[in-house]
Amino acid sequence: MIRKSSAVWQGDGLHGKGSLTTQSGVFDKQPYSFNTRFQSEDGRAGTNPEELIGAAHAGCYAMALSFALTDAGHAPEELRVDAKVDLQKVEGGFAIAHITLELEAKVSGIDATKFATIAEAAKKNCPISKALAATPISLSAKLV
């Protein structure tokens, strides 16, 4: 299975602009720029690659955890996952220094220890976590 996304960039890095398009059409020439990536910390100016990595990671992890909990006999009622992608200036440019997954889960009939074990295993086995294995990824998981 191949999923396709594309980027078009015009101009220099500081003043240029680009657009992102996904196969599904969820993004269709979505604009991004230096400002949307490095200056607009509130995210209101537009998207950026790190935000999209976070969305992909949160979505993938939630689905992987749902399967794992269901396989263990505890289908979740709701999983809320926030992914915080920490982009840092380093020598030679920028790098993703760390990703934090924050999970709040409504799961009936499971004890905290079993839940934590399954949540951690799902983090390690989620395809996006595997793709990002060179980046430290932490998990904060709680039952609500």
N, C-alpha and C. Protein backbone atom coordinates (compact mmCIF):
# COMPACT_ATOMS: atom_id res chain seq x y z
N MET A 1 0.84 -1.17 0.00
CA MET A 1 0.00 0.00 0.00
C MET A 1 0.90 1.24 0.00
N ILE A 2 0.68 2.12 -0.91
CA ILE A 2 1.43 3.37 -1.03
C ILE A 2 0.45 4.52 -0.80
N ARG A 3 0.82 5.45 0.06
CA ARG A 3 0.07 6.69 0.28
C ARG A 3 0.92 7.83 -0.24
N LYS A 4 0.30 8.77 -0.94
CA LYS A 4 1.06 9.82 -1.60
C LYS A 4 0.67 11.20 -1.09
N SER A 5 1.68 12.00 -0.85
CA SER A 5 1.52 13.42 -0.56
C SER A 5 2.57 14.15 -1.38
N SER A 6 2.33 15.42 -1.64
CA SER A 6 3.31 16.17 -2.42
C SER A 6 3.47 17.59 -1.88
N ALA A 7 4.62 18.15 -2.16
CA ALA A 7 4.93 19.52 -1.77
C ALA A 7 5.46 20.26 -2.99
N VAL A 8 5.09 21.52 -3.09
CA VAL A 8 5.63 22.42 -4.11
C VAL A 8 6.16 23.62 -3.36
N TRP A 9 7.41 24.01 -3.64
CA TRP A 9 8.02 25.17 -3.00
C TRP A 9 8.49 26.14 -4.07
N GLN A 10 8.24 27.44 -3.85
CA GLN A 10 8.66 28.47 -4.80
C GLN A 10 9.40 29.55 -4.05
N GLY A 11 10.62 29.85 -4.49
CA GLY A 11 11.38 30.93 -3.89
C GLY A 11 12.41 30.43 -2.89
N ASP A 12 13.06 31.39 -2.23
CA ASP A 12 14.09 31.04 -1.25
C ASP A 12 13.44 30.57 0.05
N GLY A 13 14.28 30.05 0.95
CA GLY A 13 13.76 29.47 2.19
C GLY A 13 13.08 30.47 3.11
N LEU A 14 13.60 31.67 3.20
CA LEU A 14 13.05 32.66 4.12
C LEU A 14 11.80 33.35 3.60
N HIS A 15 11.79 33.69 2.32
CA HIS A 15 10.68 34.46 1.76
C HIS A 15 9.77 33.67 0.83
N GLY A 16 10.19 32.46 0.49
CA GLY A 16 9.39 31.65 -0.42
C GLY A 16 8.11 31.15 0.22
N LYS A 17 7.38 30.38 -0.55
CA LYS A 17 6.15 29.79 -0.04
C LYS A 17 5.95 28.44 -0.71
N GLY A 18 5.18 27.63 -0.06
CA GLY A 18 4.94 26.31 -0.60
C GLY A 18 3.51 25.89 -0.38
N SER A 19 3.20 24.70 -0.91
CA SER A 19 1.87 24.13 -0.70
C SER A 19 2.00 22.62 -0.57
N LEU A 20 1.10 22.05 0.23
CA LEU A 20 1.08 20.62 0.49
C LEU A 20 -0.24 20.04 0.01
N THR A 21 -0.17 18.91 -0.66
CA THR A 21 -1.37 18.23 -1.17
C THR A 21 -1.29 16.76 -0.79
N THR A 22 -2.42 16.21 -0.35
CA THR A 22 -2.47 14.79 0.00
C THR A 22 -3.37 14.05 -0.98
N GLN A 23 -3.08 12.79 -1.13
CA GLN A 23 -3.85 11.92 -2.02
C GLN A 23 -5.34 11.94 -1.68
N SER A 24 -5.66 11.97 -0.39
CA SER A 24 -7.06 11.95 0.03
C SER A 24 -7.80 13.24 -0.29
N GLY A 25 -7.06 14.33 -0.50
CA GLY A 25 -7.68 15.62 -0.74
C GLY A 25 -7.91 16.41 0.53
N VAL A 26 -7.57 15.85 1.68
CA VAL A 26 -7.73 16.58 2.93
C VAL A 26 -6.92 17.87 2.87
N PHE A 27 -5.73 17.78 2.30
CA PHE A 27 -4.95 18.97 1.99
C PHE A 27 -4.93 19.10 0.48
N ASP A 28 -5.33 20.24 -0.01
CA ASP A 28 -5.27 20.52 -1.44
C ASP A 28 -4.60 21.88 -1.61
N LYS A 29 -3.31 21.84 -1.87
CA LYS A 29 -2.51 23.05 -2.01
C LYS A 29 -2.56 23.89 -0.73
N GLN A 30 -2.47 23.21 0.42
CA GLN A 30 -2.44 23.88 1.72
C GLN A 30 -1.14 24.68 1.83
N PRO A 31 -1.24 26.00 2.05
CA PRO A 31 -0.02 26.81 2.08
C PRO A 31 0.82 26.59 3.33
N TYR A 32 2.14 26.70 3.15
CA TYR A 32 3.07 26.74 4.27
C TYR A 32 4.26 27.59 3.87
N SER A 33 4.98 28.09 4.88
CA SER A 33 6.09 29.01 4.63
C SER A 33 7.02 29.01 5.83
N PHE A 34 8.07 29.82 5.76
CA PHE A 34 8.96 30.00 6.90
C PHE A 34 8.16 30.47 8.10
N ASN A 35 7.26 31.42 7.89
CA ASN A 35 6.47 31.96 8.99
C ASN A 35 5.59 30.88 9.63
N THR A 36 4.90 30.07 8.83
CA THR A 36 4.03 29.05 9.41
C THR A 36 4.84 27.97 10.13
N ARG A 37 6.08 27.80 9.74
CA ARG A 37 6.89 26.75 10.34
C ARG A 37 7.69 27.23 11.55
N PHE A 38 8.27 28.43 11.48
CA PHE A 38 9.22 28.83 12.51
C PHE A 38 8.80 30.03 13.35
N GLN A 39 7.84 30.83 12.89
CA GLN A 39 7.50 32.04 13.64
C GLN A 39 6.11 32.01 14.26
N SER A 40 5.18 31.33 13.68
CA SER A 40 3.81 31.33 14.18
C SER A 40 3.59 30.15 15.13
N GLU A 41 4.06 30.31 16.39
CA GLU A 41 3.98 29.19 17.33
C GLU A 41 2.54 28.82 17.69
N ASP A 42 1.60 29.74 17.54
CA ASP A 42 0.20 29.41 17.85
C ASP A 42 -0.45 28.58 16.73
N GLY A 43 0.23 28.46 15.58
CA GLY A 43 -0.27 27.63 14.49
C GLY A 43 -1.36 28.25 13.65
N ARG A 44 -1.72 29.47 13.91
CA ARG A 44 -2.85 30.09 13.20
C ARG A 44 -2.49 30.58 11.79
N ALA A 45 -1.21 30.70 11.51
CA ALA A 45 -0.80 31.21 10.18
C ALA A 45 -0.83 30.13 9.11
N GLY A 46 -0.93 28.86 9.51
CA GLY A 46 -0.94 27.76 8.55
C GLY A 46 -0.23 26.55 9.12
N THR A 47 -0.10 25.54 8.32
CA THR A 47 0.48 24.27 8.78
C THR A 47 1.98 24.24 8.62
N ASN A 48 2.57 23.14 9.04
CA ASN A 48 4.01 22.92 8.89
C ASN A 48 4.26 21.42 8.97
N PRO A 49 5.40 20.96 8.47
CA PRO A 49 5.67 19.52 8.46
C PRO A 49 5.63 18.87 9.85
N GLU A 50 6.09 19.57 10.88
CA GLU A 50 6.11 18.97 12.21
C GLU A 50 4.69 18.75 12.75
N GLU A 51 3.81 19.67 12.48
CA GLU A 51 2.41 19.52 12.88
C GLU A 51 1.79 18.30 12.20
N LEU A 52 2.13 18.11 10.95
CA LEU A 52 1.59 16.96 10.21
C LEU A 52 2.18 15.65 10.72
N ILE A 53 3.45 15.65 11.10
CA ILE A 53 4.04 14.46 11.73
C ILE A 53 3.30 14.16 13.03
N GLY A 54 3.01 15.19 13.80
CA GLY A 54 2.28 15.01 15.05
C GLY A 54 0.89 14.42 14.82
N ALA A 55 0.18 14.93 13.84
CA ALA A 55 -1.16 14.42 13.54
C ALA A 55 -1.08 12.96 13.09
N ALA A 56 -0.12 12.65 12.24
CA ALA A 56 0.04 11.26 11.78
C ALA A 56 0.38 10.34 12.94
N HIS A 57 1.26 10.80 13.82
CA HIS A 57 1.68 9.97 14.94
C HIS A 57 0.53 9.76 15.92
N ALA A 58 -0.20 10.81 16.26
CA ALA A 58 -1.33 10.68 17.19
C ALA A 58 -2.39 9.74 16.63
N GLY A 59 -2.70 9.89 15.35
CA GLY A 59 -3.71 9.03 14.73
C GLY A 59 -3.29 7.58 14.64
N CYS A 60 -2.06 7.36 14.26
CA CYS A 60 -1.54 5.99 14.15
C CYS A 60 -1.49 5.33 15.52
N TYR A 61 -1.00 6.05 16.51
CA TYR A 61 -0.90 5.49 17.85
C TYR A 61 -2.28 5.15 18.41
N ALA A 62 -3.25 6.05 18.25
CA ALA A 62 -4.60 5.79 18.75
C ALA A 62 -5.19 4.52 18.13
N MET A 63 -4.99 4.35 16.84
CA MET A 63 -5.51 3.16 16.18
C MET A 63 -4.78 1.90 16.62
N ALA A 64 -3.45 1.97 16.72
CA ALA A 64 -2.67 0.81 17.17
C ALA A 64 -3.07 0.42 18.60
N LEU A 65 -3.27 1.40 19.47
CA LEU A 65 -3.67 1.12 20.84
C LEU A 65 -5.08 0.53 20.89
N SER A 66 -5.96 1.02 20.06
CA SER A 66 -7.32 0.49 20.01
C SER A 66 -7.31 -0.99 19.66
N PHE A 67 -6.53 -1.35 18.66
CA PHE A 67 -6.40 -2.77 18.28
C PHE A 67 -5.81 -3.59 19.42
N ALA A 68 -4.76 -3.07 20.05
CA ALA A 68 -4.10 -3.81 21.13
C ALA A 68 -5.02 -4.01 22.33
N LEU A 69 -5.75 -2.98 22.70
CA LEU A 69 -6.68 -3.10 23.83
C LEU A 69 -7.82 -4.07 23.50
N THR A 70 -8.33 -3.98 22.29
CA THR A 70 -9.41 -4.87 21.86
C THR A 70 -8.93 -6.32 21.86
N ASP A 71 -7.72 -6.55 21.35
CA ASP A 71 -7.15 -7.90 21.35
C ASP A 71 -6.98 -8.45 22.76
N ALA A 72 -6.79 -7.55 23.74
CA ALA A 72 -6.62 -7.95 25.14
C ALA A 72 -7.97 -8.08 25.86
N GLY A 73 -9.06 -7.88 25.11
CA GLY A 73 -10.39 -8.02 25.69
C GLY A 73 -10.94 -6.77 26.35
N HIS A 74 -10.36 -5.60 26.02
CA HIS A 74 -10.78 -4.34 26.63
C HIS A 74 -10.95 -3.27 25.54
N ALA A 75 -11.97 -3.40 24.72
CA ALA A 75 -12.19 -2.40 23.67
C ALA A 75 -12.38 -1.02 24.30
N PRO A 76 -11.66 -0.03 23.84
CA PRO A 76 -11.75 1.30 24.44
C PRO A 76 -13.05 2.01 24.06
N GLU A 77 -13.53 2.84 24.98
CA GLU A 77 -14.66 3.71 24.67
C GLU A 77 -14.16 4.94 23.92
N GLU A 78 -13.03 5.47 24.38
CA GLU A 78 -12.47 6.67 23.74
C GLU A 78 -10.98 6.77 24.06
N LEU A 79 -10.21 7.16 23.06
CA LEU A 79 -8.79 7.42 23.20
C LEU A 79 -8.52 8.83 22.68
N ARG A 80 -7.96 9.68 23.51
CA ARG A 80 -7.58 11.04 23.10
C ARG A 80 -6.06 11.13 23.17
N VAL A 81 -5.45 11.42 22.03
CA VAL A 81 -3.98 11.46 21.96
C VAL A 81 -3.55 12.82 21.42
N ASP A 82 -2.68 13.47 22.16
CA ASP A 82 -1.99 14.67 21.69
C ASP A 82 -0.55 14.29 21.41
N ALA A 83 -0.02 14.72 20.29
CA ALA A 83 1.39 14.51 19.97
C ALA A 83 2.07 15.87 19.94
N LYS A 84 3.09 16.02 20.74
CA LYS A 84 3.86 17.26 20.78
C LYS A 84 5.21 17.00 20.15
N VAL A 85 5.45 17.65 19.02
CA VAL A 85 6.69 17.47 18.27
C VAL A 85 7.58 18.68 18.55
N ASP A 86 8.73 18.41 19.16
CA ASP A 86 9.64 19.46 19.61
C ASP A 86 10.72 19.70 18.56
N LEU A 87 10.58 20.77 17.79
CA LEU A 87 11.56 21.16 16.78
C LEU A 87 12.56 22.13 17.41
N GLN A 88 13.84 21.79 17.34
CA GLN A 88 14.88 22.61 17.97
C GLN A 88 15.93 23.02 16.95
N LYS A 89 16.47 24.23 17.15
CA LYS A 89 17.60 24.68 16.35
C LYS A 89 18.84 23.97 16.86
N VAL A 90 19.55 23.36 15.96
CA VAL A 90 20.79 22.65 16.29
C VAL A 90 21.88 23.12 15.33
N GLU A 91 23.10 22.70 15.60
CA GLU A 91 24.19 23.05 14.69
C GLU A 91 23.86 22.52 13.30
N GLY A 92 23.90 23.38 12.32
CA GLY A 92 23.64 22.99 10.95
C GLY A 92 22.18 23.07 10.54
N GLY A 93 21.29 23.54 11.42
CA GLY A 93 19.88 23.68 11.02
C GLY A 93 18.92 23.38 12.15
N PHE A 94 17.94 22.55 11.86
CA PHE A 94 16.90 22.20 12.82
C PHE A 94 16.76 20.69 12.88
N ALA A 95 16.23 20.19 14.00
CA ALA A 95 15.99 18.77 14.16
C ALA A 95 14.81 18.57 15.12
N ILE A 96 14.10 17.48 14.92
CA ILE A 96 13.07 17.10 15.87
C ILE A 96 13.79 16.44 17.04
N ALA A 97 13.76 17.10 18.19
CA ALA A 97 14.51 16.64 19.36
C ALA A 97 13.75 15.58 20.15
N HIS A 98 12.42 15.66 20.12
CA HIS A 98 11.64 14.78 20.97
C HIS A 98 10.17 14.84 20.55
N ILE A 99 9.48 13.73 20.75
CA ILE A 99 8.03 13.68 20.55
C ILE A 99 7.42 13.15 21.83
N THR A 100 6.39 13.82 22.31
CA THR A 100 5.66 13.36 23.48
C THR A 100 4.24 13.02 23.06
N LEU A 101 3.82 11.80 23.37
CA LEU A 101 2.44 11.38 23.17
C LEU A 101 1.74 11.47 24.51
N GLU A 102 0.64 12.22 24.56
CA GLU A 102 -0.15 12.35 25.78
C GLU A 102 -1.50 11.69 25.53
N LEU A 103 -1.81 10.68 26.33
CA LEU A 103 -2.99 9.86 26.13
C LEU A 103 -3.93 9.95 27.32
N GLU A 104 -5.19 10.16 27.04
CA GLU A 104 -6.27 10.00 28.02
C GLU A 104 -7.20 8.96 27.43
N ALA A 105 -7.47 7.92 28.22
CA ALA A 105 -8.23 6.78 27.70
C ALA A 105 -9.40 6.43 28.61
N LYS A 106 -10.53 6.16 27.99
CA LYS A 106 -11.68 5.59 28.68
C LYS A 106 -11.77 4.13 28.27
N VAL A 107 -11.41 3.25 29.21
CA VAL A 107 -11.38 1.81 28.95
C VAL A 107 -11.95 1.12 30.18
N SER A 108 -13.03 0.43 30.01
CA SER A 108 -13.66 -0.26 31.13
C SER A 108 -12.99 -1.59 31.41
N GLY A 109 -12.95 -1.96 32.70
CA GLY A 109 -12.54 -3.30 33.10
C GLY A 109 -11.07 -3.62 32.98
N ILE A 110 -10.22 -2.62 32.97
CA ILE A 110 -8.77 -2.87 32.86
C ILE A 110 -8.07 -2.20 34.04
N ASP A 111 -7.07 -2.87 34.61
CA ASP A 111 -6.34 -2.24 35.71
C ASP A 111 -5.21 -1.38 35.14
N ALA A 112 -4.72 -0.47 35.95
CA ALA A 112 -3.74 0.52 35.51
C ALA A 112 -2.44 -0.11 35.02
N THR A 113 -1.99 -1.16 35.66
CA THR A 113 -0.73 -1.81 35.25
C THR A 113 -0.85 -2.44 33.87
N LYS A 114 -1.93 -3.18 33.66
CA LYS A 114 -2.15 -3.82 32.35
C LYS A 114 -2.32 -2.76 31.27
N PHE A 115 -3.06 -1.70 31.59
CA PHE A 115 -3.26 -0.61 30.65
C PHE A 115 -1.92 0.02 30.25
N ALA A 116 -1.08 0.32 31.24
CA ALA A 116 0.21 0.95 30.96
C ALA A 116 1.10 0.06 30.09
N THR A 117 1.07 -1.24 30.35
CA THR A 117 1.87 -2.19 29.56
C THR A 117 1.41 -2.21 28.11
N ILE A 118 0.10 -2.27 27.91
CA ILE A 118 -0.45 -2.29 26.54
C ILE A 118 -0.19 -0.96 25.84
N ALA A 119 -0.35 0.15 26.55
CA ALA A 119 -0.14 1.47 25.96
C ALA A 119 1.31 1.65 25.50
N GLU A 120 2.25 1.19 26.32
CA GLU A 120 3.67 1.30 25.96
C GLU A 120 4.01 0.41 24.78
N ALA A 121 3.47 -0.82 24.77
CA ALA A 121 3.73 -1.72 23.64
C ALA A 121 3.16 -1.16 22.34
N ALA A 122 1.99 -0.55 22.40
CA ALA A 122 1.39 0.04 21.20
C ALA A 122 2.24 1.19 20.68
N LYS A 123 2.84 1.95 21.60
CA LYS A 123 3.73 3.04 21.18
C LYS A 123 4.91 2.48 20.38
N LYS A 124 5.49 1.40 20.86
CA LYS A 124 6.64 0.80 20.18
C LYS A 124 6.27 0.15 18.86
N ASN A 125 5.04 -0.36 18.75
CA ASN A 125 4.63 -1.10 17.56
C ASN A 125 3.85 -0.30 16.54
N CYS A 126 3.48 0.91 16.85
CA CYS A 126 2.78 1.79 15.89
C CYS A 126 3.72 2.05 14.71
N PRO A 127 3.25 1.90 13.46
CA PRO A 127 4.12 2.11 12.30
C PRO A 127 4.80 3.49 12.25
N ILE A 128 4.10 4.53 12.71
CA ILE A 128 4.73 5.85 12.69
C ILE A 128 5.82 5.93 13.74
N SER A 129 5.61 5.34 14.93
CA SER A 129 6.67 5.29 15.94
C SER A 129 7.89 4.57 15.39
N LYS A 130 7.66 3.48 14.68
CA LYS A 130 8.78 2.73 14.09
C LYS A 130 9.53 3.59 13.07
N ALA A 131 8.79 4.34 12.27
CA ALA A 131 9.43 5.20 11.26
C ALA A 131 10.23 6.32 11.90
N LEU A 132 9.82 6.74 13.09
CA LEU A 132 10.48 7.83 13.79
C LEU A 132 11.42 7.33 14.88
N ALA A 133 11.86 6.11 14.79
CA ALA A 133 12.64 5.46 15.85
C ALA A 133 13.93 6.20 16.21
N ALA A 134 14.46 7.00 15.33
CA ALA A 134 15.68 7.75 15.63
C ALA A 134 15.41 8.93 16.57
N THR A 135 14.14 9.23 16.78
CA THR A 135 13.74 10.34 17.64
C THR A 135 13.23 9.81 18.97
N PRO A 136 13.66 10.37 20.09
CA PRO A 136 13.12 9.95 21.39
C PRO A 136 11.61 10.21 21.44
N ILE A 137 10.85 9.22 21.86
CA ILE A 137 9.40 9.33 21.96
C ILE A 137 9.00 8.92 23.37
N SER A 138 8.31 9.81 24.08
CA SER A 138 7.84 9.47 25.41
C SER A 138 6.32 9.41 25.40
N LEU A 139 5.78 8.70 26.39
CA LEU A 139 4.34 8.50 26.50
C LEU A 139 3.89 8.83 27.90
N SER A 140 2.87 9.65 27.98
CA SER A 140 2.16 9.91 29.23
C SER A 140 0.76 9.37 29.04
N ALA A 141 0.43 8.29 29.75
CA ALA A 141 -0.86 7.61 29.54
C ALA A 141 -1.64 7.55 30.84
N LYS A 142 -2.92 7.94 30.77
CA LYS A 142 -3.73 7.83 31.96
C LYS A 142 -5.16 7.39 31.60
N LEU A 143 -5.71 6.62 32.51
CA LEU A 143 -7.10 6.22 32.40
C LEU A 143 -7.96 7.30 33.01
N VAL A 144 -9.07 7.62 32.35
CA VAL A 144 -10.01 8.62 32.90
C VAL A 144 -11.37 8.01 33.07
